[in-house]
Every structure is written in structure tokens, then in C-alpha cells.
Amino acid sequence: MTGINLTRRNRQTVRPLLVPASLLALAIVPVLAGLLRLAGLMVGQAPAADARFFENPLPITLHILSVIPYSLLGVPGIALSEWRSCRSGCSRP
């Protein structure tokens, strides 16, 4: 009986962290890809198909730099909205 209670307790402490940790892991993929792309533009190494970005690198640079905080700061927003929906009595009068 004690083993079952410990297992349930561990599930209750791990479950709230599972969604934010998974979203953060998913958000890191485009962040790393964007940073690699930006580094490639800065160094000048890019495939021939991406030569148009060397003429005017400002739009893609702004896009990459704006997506990084958007994706990383979106994780707590989604996690908190899930927390609020579980406690719907708190947000409704």
C-alpha cells in the first residue's frame, strides 16, 4: 500500500511540470535552428538558394530575433493558462 501512495504522489508532482517541460523542449528546436541560420548569415556561409538573404538580411534577422522570445515566453503563458483552467472557480466571479 505504501508503494502505491508514493507512486501517486510522484505522479502528482511530476504532471504539472510535464507540459511546460515538453513545450520548452519543443521551443528550443526553432531557437537553435534560428541561431544557426543567423550565424550562417553573419559568416556568409549559406546555400546558393539563400543568396537573396545576403542582399537584405534585416527582415530575416528581425524575424529570427523576434521569434526567439516569442517561443520561449509562450511556454509559461500556456502553462499558466492550463493551471487557470484547472481552477476555473478562481477566474470566474
Foldseek 3Di string as FASTA:
>chain_A
DVVVVVVVVVCVVVVLVPQLVVLQVVLVVLLVVLVVVVVCLVVVHDDPVPPVCVVPVVVSVVVSVVSNCVSNVVSVVVSVVVVCVVVVVVVDD
